[in-house]
Amino acid sequence: MLDMRIAHVIRTGEHAEGWRVDAHAFYHQEKLNELKRLAAGDPRLVSEIYDELASNASTSLDS
């Protein structure tokens, strides 16, 4: 999970040429990169890996 301290730094930091970083887009890009990394070493379909990650995320939110 994205550490809230990191999100705060990203939200308040500036990006190249004065552009502000979109924390929401950054979070989703990190999740996409994680999915790609997991899929590279896994013979299952990417959709199966995604479903498993989504299920794990919703389970962790319930507890």
C-alpha atoms as a PDB file:
ATOM      1  CA  MET A   1       0.000   0.000   0.000  1.00  0.00           C
ATOM      2  CA  LEU A   2       1.012   3.564  -0.596  1.00  0.00           C
ATOM      3  CA  ASP A   3       2.361   5.065   2.604  1.00  0.00           C
ATOM      4  CA  MET A   4       0.367   8.164   3.580  1.00  0.00           C
ATOM      5  CA  ARG A   5       3.567  10.071   4.319  1.00  0.00           C
ATOM      6  CA  ILE A   6       4.710   9.460   0.760  1.00  0.00           C
ATOM      7  CA  ALA A   7       1.316  10.534  -0.583  1.00  0.00           C
ATOM      8  CA  HIS A   8       1.608  13.771   1.388  1.00  0.00           C
ATOM      9  CA  VAL A   9       5.035  14.500  -0.087  1.00  0.00           C
ATOM     10  CA  ILE A  10       3.762  13.724  -3.580  1.00  0.00           C
ATOM     11  CA  ARG A  11       0.650  15.836  -3.111  1.00  0.00           C
ATOM     12  CA  THR A  12       2.597  18.830  -1.884  1.00  0.00           C
ATOM     13  CA  GLY A  13       5.709  18.433  -4.040  1.00  0.00           C
ATOM     14  CA  GLU A  14       6.305  19.946  -7.409  1.00  0.00           C
ATOM     15  CA  HIS A  15       7.130  18.024 -10.540  1.00  0.00           C
ATOM     16  CA  ALA A  16       9.338  19.008 -13.459  1.00  0.00           C
ATOM     17  CA  GLU A  17       8.720  22.465 -14.899  1.00  0.00           C
ATOM     18  CA  GLY A  18       6.424  23.500 -12.051  1.00  0.00           C
ATOM     19  CA  TRP A  19       3.713  20.907 -12.742  1.00  0.00           C
ATOM     20  CA  ARG A  20       2.052  19.478  -9.656  1.00  0.00           C
ATOM     21  CA  VAL A  21       1.991  15.726  -9.256  1.00  0.00           C
ATOM     22  CA  ASP A  22      -1.448  14.112  -9.307  1.00  0.00           C
ATOM     23  CA  ALA A  23      -1.390  11.752  -6.294  1.00  0.00           C
ATOM     24  CA  HIS A  24      -4.378   9.776  -7.607  1.00  0.00           C
ATOM     25  CA  ALA A  25      -2.723   9.147 -10.988  1.00  0.00           C
ATOM     26  CA  PHE A  26       0.572   8.318  -9.270  1.00  0.00           C
ATOM     27  CA  TYR A  27      -1.151   5.744  -7.046  1.00  0.00           C
ATOM     28  CA  HIS A  28      -2.789   4.041 -10.024  1.00  0.00           C
ATOM     29  CA  GLN A  29       0.477   4.053 -11.991  1.00  0.00           C
ATOM     30  CA  GLU A  30       2.215   2.366  -9.045  1.00  0.00           C
ATOM     31  CA  LYS A  31      -0.533  -0.274  -8.908  1.00  0.00           C
ATOM     32  CA  LEU A  32      -0.212  -0.857 -12.666  1.00  0.00           C
ATOM     33  CA  ASN A  33       3.561  -1.245 -12.322  1.00  0.00           C
ATOM     34  CA  GLU A  34       3.047  -3.737  -9.480  1.00  0.00           C
ATOM     35  CA  LEU A  35       0.603  -5.724 -11.624  1.00  0.00           C
ATOM     36  CA  LYS A  36       3.084  -5.792 -14.528  1.00  0.00           C
ATOM     37  CA  ARG A  37       5.868  -6.952 -12.205  1.00  0.00           C
ATOM     38  CA  LEU A  38       3.717  -9.746 -10.784  1.00  0.00           C
ATOM     39  CA  ALA A  39       2.450 -10.795 -14.222  1.00  0.00           C
ATOM     40  CA  ALA A  40       5.987 -11.064 -15.619  1.00  0.00           C
ATOM     41  CA  GLY A  41       6.769 -14.038 -13.376  1.00  0.00           C
ATOM     42  CA  ASP A  42       3.313 -15.637 -13.270  1.00  0.00           C
ATOM     43  CA  PRO A  43       1.853 -17.953 -15.942  1.00  0.00           C
ATOM     44  CA  ARG A  44      -1.746 -16.896 -15.159  1.00  0.00           C
ATOM     45  CA  LEU A  45      -3.682 -14.360 -17.200  1.00  0.00           C
ATOM     46  CA  VAL A  46      -3.233 -10.746 -16.121  1.00  0.00           C
ATOM     47  CA  SER A  47      -6.980 -10.541 -15.450  1.00  0.00           C
ATOM     48  CA  GLU A  48      -6.710 -13.432 -12.959  1.00  0.00           C
ATOM     49  CA  ILE A  49      -3.840 -11.718 -11.134  1.00  0.00           C
ATOM     50  CA  TYR A  50      -5.781  -8.434 -11.116  1.00  0.00           C
ATOM     51  CA  ASP A  51      -8.881 -10.148  -9.698  1.00  0.00           C
ATOM     52  CA  GLU A  52      -6.784 -11.726  -6.936  1.00  0.00           C
ATOM     53  CA  LEU A  53      -5.191  -8.378  -6.041  1.00  0.00           C
ATOM     54  CA  ALA A  54      -8.586  -6.654  -6.044  1.00  0.00           C
ATOM     55  CA  SER A  55     -10.028  -9.372  -3.822  1.00  0.00           C
ATOM     56  CA  ASN A  56      -7.113  -9.076  -1.396  1.00  0.00           C
ATOM     57  CA  ALA A  57      -7.485  -5.291  -1.297  1.00  0.00           C
ATOM     58  CA  SER A  58     -11.209  -5.430  -0.545  1.00  0.00           C
ATOM     59  CA  THR A  59     -10.627  -8.064   2.145  1.00  0.00           C
ATOM     60  CA  SER A  60      -7.976  -5.923   3.821  1.00  0.00           C
ATOM     61  CA  LEU A  61     -10.351  -2.937   3.814  1.00  0.00           C
ATOM     62  CA  ASP A  62     -12.987  -4.985   5.634  1.00  0.00           C
ATOM     63  CA  SER A  63     -10.698  -5.790   8.556  1.00  0.00           C
END
